[in-house]
Amino acid sequence: MRGKSKDAGIAAAKETKEQNMSEEDVESTPRTYSGALLGAIAVALLLGIGGLIWSFTLNGRLSRQEAAMTEANQHSANLEAELRETNARLKVATEELGNSLGLTQKQMDARAQELVRREQADNARLETAQKKTSQQLDAVSTDVTAVKTDVGGVKTDVAKTQNDLASAVAQLTSMKGDLSGHASLIARNHDELEVLKHKGDRNYYEFTLQKGQKKPVSTVSLELKKADPKKSRFTLVVYADDKSYEKKDRNLNEPLQFYSGKDPMLYEIVVNNMAGKNQITGYLATPKNAPVPPTVQ
């Protein structure tokens, strides 16, 4: 009996121990699952917060980029408006210029192309001239002694030319003008006129007049009215400063003088040749500081 009681007690103790172990396992299992769930929730919260921050930052960047794009579009629109206005003004100016010159757009384009071609040709000629000059300078630099000799020869030639000029000037005829009464050196032919030009104290303009022809010479105009080759006399009219001066029955090689210009300056005409009754030749002499005729482009 005691043996059975002892065995029964041992069995009861084992059963009680097994029940206690089962309860501990049941209690430990929920605790493990609960910790993992909290960790997952924490990770999810961190990811959510990070996503919100990234989204906020991205929205800010997008807003700034949209603002910059809007500003750029506005600036582009302003530039386009200014360009349209400029093109409109340029078109009006071009049309006005074309109308004032009597040219069509096609003619203006052709003229512009011609100017470009001329500029290119001029640049090419300039480049060629520069190369040629450079070559010449190189050649000159290789023979300094020869250059010095040439310079000496040039000085001699200049001195001789000056002496010849002085001699030629001494041979020129001096006659009194019809207004000032002062004696003036006159040229009776083209060669003597070249001598006067080399003196450099006045400007000289040669002319040939046909009877009844009003011809511009320098800043005035001249017209032959009558010529008498037998008596070597002629009559011409001078047009200057909206006025006319008739030089009637004048002689060949006689200085004919008149005043012209805003600040009146003494001009002088000399007729030194007569071809029949319808043509005379001569020259106009003007002061060195007198106005000059416009250059034709």
Protein backbone atom coordinates (compact mmCIF):
# COMPACT_ATOMS: atom_id res chain seq x y z
CA MET A 1 0.00 0.00 0.00
CA ARG A 2 2.79 2.36 0.84
CA GLY A 3 4.44 1.50 -2.46
CA LYS A 4 1.33 2.40 -4.44
CA SER A 5 0.87 5.65 -2.50
CA LYS A 6 4.46 6.64 -3.21
CA ASP A 7 4.04 5.95 -6.91
CA ALA A 8 0.81 7.89 -6.99
CA GLY A 9 2.55 10.90 -5.38
CA ILE A 10 5.39 10.82 -7.86
CA ALA A 11 2.92 10.69 -10.75
CA ALA A 12 0.97 13.62 -9.36
CA ALA A 13 4.11 15.65 -8.93
CA LYS A 14 5.16 14.99 -12.56
CA GLU A 15 1.71 16.00 -13.82
CA THR A 16 1.82 19.19 -11.78
CA LYS A 17 5.30 19.99 -13.13
CA GLU A 18 4.20 19.41 -16.72
CA GLN A 19 1.18 21.69 -16.28
CA ASN A 20 3.43 24.45 -14.91
CA MET A 21 5.83 24.15 -17.89
CA SER A 22 2.93 24.30 -20.34
CA GLU A 23 1.66 27.52 -18.72
CA GLU A 24 5.14 29.13 -18.92
CA ASP A 25 5.39 28.29 -22.63
CA VAL A 26 1.96 29.77 -23.24
CA GLU A 27 2.93 32.99 -21.39
CA SER A 28 6.32 33.36 -23.14
CA THR A 29 4.90 32.95 -26.66
CA PRO A 30 2.64 36.06 -26.66
CA ARG A 31 5.45 38.16 -25.21
CA THR A 32 7.74 37.21 -28.12
CA TYR A 33 5.06 38.05 -30.74
CA SER A 34 4.27 41.35 -29.01
CA GLY A 35 7.94 42.58 -29.22
CA ALA A 36 8.20 41.79 -32.94
CA LEU A 37 4.93 43.64 -33.62
CA LEU A 38 6.17 46.73 -31.80
CA GLY A 39 9.41 46.66 -33.79
CA ALA A 40 7.49 46.43 -37.08
CA ILE A 41 5.26 49.32 -36.05
CA ALA A 42 8.31 51.45 -35.14
CA VAL A 43 9.93 50.71 -38.50
CA ALA A 44 6.69 51.56 -40.30
CA LEU A 45 6.44 54.85 -38.38
CA LEU A 46 10.03 55.76 -39.26
CA LEU A 47 9.42 54.96 -42.90
CA GLY A 48 6.22 57.00 -42.86
CA ILE A 49 7.95 59.98 -41.26
CA GLY A 50 10.84 59.69 -43.74
CA GLY A 51 8.38 59.54 -46.61
CA LEU A 52 6.60 62.64 -45.35
CA ILE A 53 9.87 64.55 -45.04
CA TRP A 54 10.98 63.48 -48.54
CA SER A 55 7.58 64.36 -49.97
CA PHE A 56 7.68 67.80 -48.31
CA THR A 57 11.19 68.44 -49.61
CA LEU A 58 10.23 67.30 -53.11
CA ASN A 59 7.16 69.52 -53.08
CA GLY A 60 9.33 72.49 -52.09
CA ARG A 61 11.74 71.83 -54.94
CA LEU A 62 8.92 71.41 -57.41
CA SER A 63 7.38 74.69 -56.24
CA ARG A 64 10.67 76.55 -56.68
CA GLN A 65 11.23 75.00 -60.10
CA GLU A 66 7.71 75.88 -61.18
CA ALA A 67 8.24 79.46 -60.00
CA ALA A 68 11.55 79.65 -61.87
CA MET A 69 9.94 78.18 -64.99
CA THR A 70 7.10 80.67 -64.76
CA GLU A 71 9.58 83.53 -64.46
CA ALA A 72 11.60 82.19 -67.38
CA ASN A 73 8.47 81.87 -69.50
CA GLN A 74 7.49 85.44 -68.63
CA HIS A 75 10.97 86.68 -69.49
CA SER A 76 10.86 84.74 -72.76
CA ALA A 77 7.48 86.23 -73.55
CA ASN A 78 8.85 89.74 -72.86
CA LEU A 79 11.83 89.07 -75.12
CA GLU A 80 9.55 87.80 -77.86
CA ALA A 81 7.41 90.90 -77.55
CA GLU A 82 10.48 93.15 -77.73
CA LEU A 83 11.78 91.17 -80.70
CA ARG A 84 8.46 91.51 -82.51
CA GLU A 85 8.46 95.25 -81.81
CA THR A 86 12.07 95.59 -82.99
CA ASN A 87 11.34 93.60 -86.14
CA ALA A 88 8.32 95.76 -86.79
CA ARG A 89 10.36 98.94 -86.38
CA LEU A 90 13.13 97.53 -88.55
CA LYS A 91 10.63 96.58 -91.22
CA VAL A 92 9.10 100.06 -91.16
CA ALA A 93 12.54 101.68 -91.28
CA THR A 94 13.59 99.38 -94.13
CA GLU A 95 10.42 100.14 -96.07
CA GLU A 96 10.86 103.88 -95.48
CA LEU A 97 14.48 103.68 -96.59
CA GLY A 98 13.50 101.66 -99.63
CA ASN A 99 10.74 104.15 -100.47
CA SER A 100 13.06 107.12 -100.01
CA LEU A 101 15.65 105.52 -102.29
CA GLY A 102 13.06 104.18 -104.71
CA LEU A 103 14.24 100.60 -104.16
CA THR A 104 12.31 97.39 -103.69
CA GLN A 105 13.19 94.87 -100.99
CA LYS A 106 14.72 92.61 -103.62
CA GLN A 107 16.87 95.44 -104.92
CA MET A 108 17.97 96.33 -101.39
CA ASP A 109 18.88 92.71 -100.69
CA ALA A 110 20.85 92.58 -103.94
CA ARG A 111 22.65 95.79 -103.00
CA ALA A 112 23.44 94.43 -99.55
CA GLN A 113 24.87 91.26 -101.09
CA GLU A 114 26.90 93.36 -103.50
CA LEU A 115 28.29 95.40 -100.58
CA VAL A 116 29.22 92.18 -98.78
CA ARG A 117 31.00 90.91 -101.89
CA ARG A 118 32.85 94.20 -102.24
CA GLU A 119 33.89 94.11 -98.60
CA GLN A 120 35.18 90.55 -99.00
CA ALA A 121 37.06 91.53 -102.15
CA ASP A 122 38.53 94.58 -100.38
CA ASN A 123 39.61 92.41 -97.46
CA ALA A 124 41.26 89.97 -99.86
CA ARG A 125 43.09 92.80 -101.64
CA LEU A 126 44.14 94.28 -98.29
CA GLU A 127 45.48 90.92 -97.14
CA THR A 128 47.40 90.51 -100.41
CA ALA A 129 48.80 94.03 -100.10
CA GLN A 130 49.83 93.39 -96.50
CA LYS A 131 51.63 90.19 -97.50
CA LYS A 132 53.34 91.98 -100.35
CA THR A 133 54.35 94.85 -98.07
CA SER A 134 55.66 92.39 -95.50
CA GLN A 135 57.74 90.68 -98.17
CA GLN A 136 59.05 94.02 -99.34
CA LEU A 137 59.96 95.02 -95.80
CA ASP A 138 61.78 91.71 -95.33
CA ALA A 139 63.68 92.34 -98.55
CA VAL A 140 64.54 95.87 -97.47
CA SER A 141 65.73 94.76 -94.05
CA THR A 142 68.22 92.34 -95.66
CA ASP A 143 70.07 95.14 -97.43
CA VAL A 144 70.31 98.21 -95.17
CA THR A 145 73.28 99.63 -97.01
CA ALA A 146 71.41 99.65 -100.31
CA VAL A 147 68.48 101.40 -98.66
CA LYS A 148 70.72 104.13 -97.27
CA THR A 149 72.17 104.62 -100.72
CA ASP A 150 68.69 104.87 -102.22
CA VAL A 151 67.67 107.42 -99.56
CA GLY A 152 70.67 109.51 -100.42
CA GLY A 153 69.71 109.34 -104.07
CA VAL A 154 66.12 110.33 -103.24
CA LYS A 155 67.33 113.33 -101.25
CA THR A 156 69.37 114.38 -104.26
CA ASP A 157 66.35 113.95 -106.55
CA VAL A 158 64.16 115.96 -104.16
CA ALA A 159 66.67 118.78 -104.06
CA LYS A 160 66.85 118.76 -107.85
CA THR A 161 63.04 118.73 -108.11
CA GLN A 162 62.80 121.68 -105.74
CA ASN A 163 65.31 123.60 -107.84
CA ASP A 164 63.41 122.73 -111.03
CA LEU A 165 60.15 123.80 -109.39
CA ALA A 166 61.61 127.09 -108.26
CA SER A 167 62.89 127.69 -111.79
CA ALA A 168 59.50 126.81 -113.29
CA VAL A 169 57.68 129.10 -110.84
CA ALA A 170 59.99 131.91 -111.82
CA GLN A 171 58.91 131.44 -115.43
CA LEU A 172 55.19 131.66 -114.64
CA THR A 173 53.32 134.76 -115.71
CA SER A 174 52.06 137.17 -113.06
CA MET A 175 48.90 139.13 -113.85
CA LYS A 176 46.50 141.34 -111.87
CA GLY A 177 43.04 140.08 -111.01
CA ASP A 178 39.94 141.94 -112.10
CA LEU A 179 38.73 142.47 -108.50
CA SER A 180 41.60 142.52 -106.00
CA GLY A 181 44.11 144.31 -108.18
CA HIS A 182 46.83 142.09 -106.73
CA ALA A 183 49.16 140.16 -109.04
CA SER A 184 48.54 136.42 -109.30
CA LEU A 185 50.62 133.70 -110.86
CA ILE A 186 48.66 132.10 -113.71
CA ALA A 187 49.18 128.95 -115.75
CA ARG A 188 48.91 129.29 -119.51
CA ASN A 189 48.76 125.53 -120.13
CA HIS A 190 48.43 122.18 -118.35
CA ASP A 191 52.16 121.84 -117.63
CA GLU A 192 52.33 125.22 -115.94
CA LEU A 193 49.20 124.35 -113.96
CA GLU A 194 50.99 121.23 -112.64
CA VAL A 195 53.76 123.53 -111.43
CA LEU A 196 51.20 125.67 -109.58
CA LYS A 197 49.68 122.54 -108.02
CA HIS A 198 53.08 121.50 -106.68
CA LYS A 199 53.39 124.83 -104.92
CA GLY A 200 50.51 123.63 -102.74
CA ASP A 201 49.23 127.05 -101.67
CA ARG A 202 45.85 126.75 -103.46
CA ASN A 203 43.42 124.14 -104.81
CA TYR A 204 43.11 123.87 -108.60
CA TYR A 205 40.25 122.40 -110.67
CA GLU A 206 40.60 122.09 -114.44
CA PHE A 207 37.52 122.41 -116.66
CA THR A 208 36.34 122.35 -120.28
CA LEU A 209 33.13 124.26 -121.09
CA GLN A 210 30.84 123.89 -124.08
CA LYS A 211 28.75 126.86 -125.16
CA GLY A 212 25.38 126.95 -123.38
CA GLN A 213 26.44 124.23 -120.90
CA LYS A 214 26.16 124.92 -117.17
CA LYS A 215 28.86 122.77 -115.60
CA PRO A 216 29.73 122.30 -111.90
CA VAL A 217 33.35 123.01 -111.04
CA SER A 218 34.36 122.52 -107.39
CA THR A 219 31.56 124.15 -105.36
CA VAL A 220 30.41 126.57 -108.10
CA SER A 221 29.04 126.26 -111.65
CA LEU A 222 30.26 127.87 -114.87
CA GLU A 223 28.51 128.54 -118.21
CA LEU A 224 30.07 129.70 -121.47
CA LYS A 225 27.92 132.34 -123.16
CA LYS A 226 30.13 133.49 -126.06
CA ALA A 227 33.60 132.88 -127.47
CA ASP A 228 35.51 134.88 -130.11
CA PRO A 229 38.70 133.01 -131.10
CA LYS A 230 39.85 135.81 -133.45
CA LYS A 231 39.99 138.35 -130.65
CA SER A 232 40.74 135.73 -127.95
CA ARG A 233 37.82 137.04 -125.93
CA PHE A 234 34.92 135.26 -124.25
CA THR A 235 31.93 135.77 -121.93
CA LEU A 236 30.99 133.35 -119.16
CA VAL A 237 28.66 133.31 -116.15
CA VAL A 238 29.67 132.18 -112.65
CA TYR A 239 26.96 130.69 -110.40
CA ALA A 240 27.89 130.72 -106.70
CA ASP A 241 25.90 130.99 -103.44
CA ASP A 242 22.58 131.34 -105.32
CA LYS A 243 24.00 134.31 -107.21
CA SER A 244 25.34 134.77 -110.75
CA TYR A 245 28.29 136.86 -111.92
CA GLU A 246 28.77 137.62 -115.61
CA LYS A 247 32.36 138.01 -116.79
CA LYS A 248 31.81 139.74 -120.15
CA ASP A 249 34.34 140.10 -122.99
CA ARG A 250 37.32 138.80 -121.03
CA ASN A 251 40.73 137.90 -122.42
CA LEU A 252 42.57 134.60 -122.37
CA ASN A 253 44.87 134.19 -119.34
CA GLU A 254 43.09 137.01 -117.50
CA PRO A 255 42.44 136.20 -113.80
CA LEU A 256 38.68 136.47 -113.22
CA GLN A 257 37.96 136.83 -109.51
CA PHE A 258 34.82 136.54 -107.34
CA TYR A 259 33.97 135.91 -103.69
CA SER A 260 32.15 132.79 -102.49
CA GLY A 261 31.32 130.95 -99.27
CA LYS A 262 29.74 131.69 -95.89
CA ASP A 263 32.93 133.49 -94.97
CA PRO A 264 33.66 135.09 -98.34
CA MET A 265 36.86 133.80 -99.93
CA LEU A 266 38.49 134.97 -103.14
CA TYR A 267 38.13 132.48 -106.03
CA GLU A 268 39.93 132.86 -109.35
CA ILE A 269 39.18 131.61 -112.88
CA VAL A 270 41.73 131.53 -115.69
CA VAL A 271 40.73 130.55 -119.26
CA ASN A 272 43.94 129.64 -121.12
CA ASN A 273 42.68 127.96 -124.30
CA MET A 274 39.86 128.43 -126.79
CA ALA A 275 38.73 125.85 -129.39
CA GLY A 276 36.52 127.66 -131.90
CA LYS A 277 33.40 129.50 -130.86
CA ASN A 278 31.92 126.76 -128.72
CA GLN A 279 34.61 125.55 -126.32
CA ILE A 280 37.06 126.93 -123.79
CA THR A 281 39.37 125.26 -121.24
CA GLY A 282 40.95 126.60 -118.08
CA TYR A 283 41.02 126.14 -114.33
CA LEU A 284 39.46 127.38 -111.09
CA ALA A 285 41.78 128.28 -108.18
CA THR A 286 40.38 128.33 -104.64
CA PRO A 287 41.96 129.08 -101.24
CA LYS A 288 43.49 126.09 -99.47
CA ASN A 289 40.88 126.24 -96.68
CA ALA A 290 37.90 126.73 -99.02
CA PRO A 291 35.07 124.13 -99.08
CA VAL A 292 35.69 121.18 -101.37
CA PRO A 293 33.11 119.39 -103.53
CA PRO A 294 31.50 116.29 -101.97
CA THR A 295 33.17 112.99 -102.84
CA VAL A 296 31.01 110.69 -104.96
CA GLN A 297 30.78 107.24 -103.32
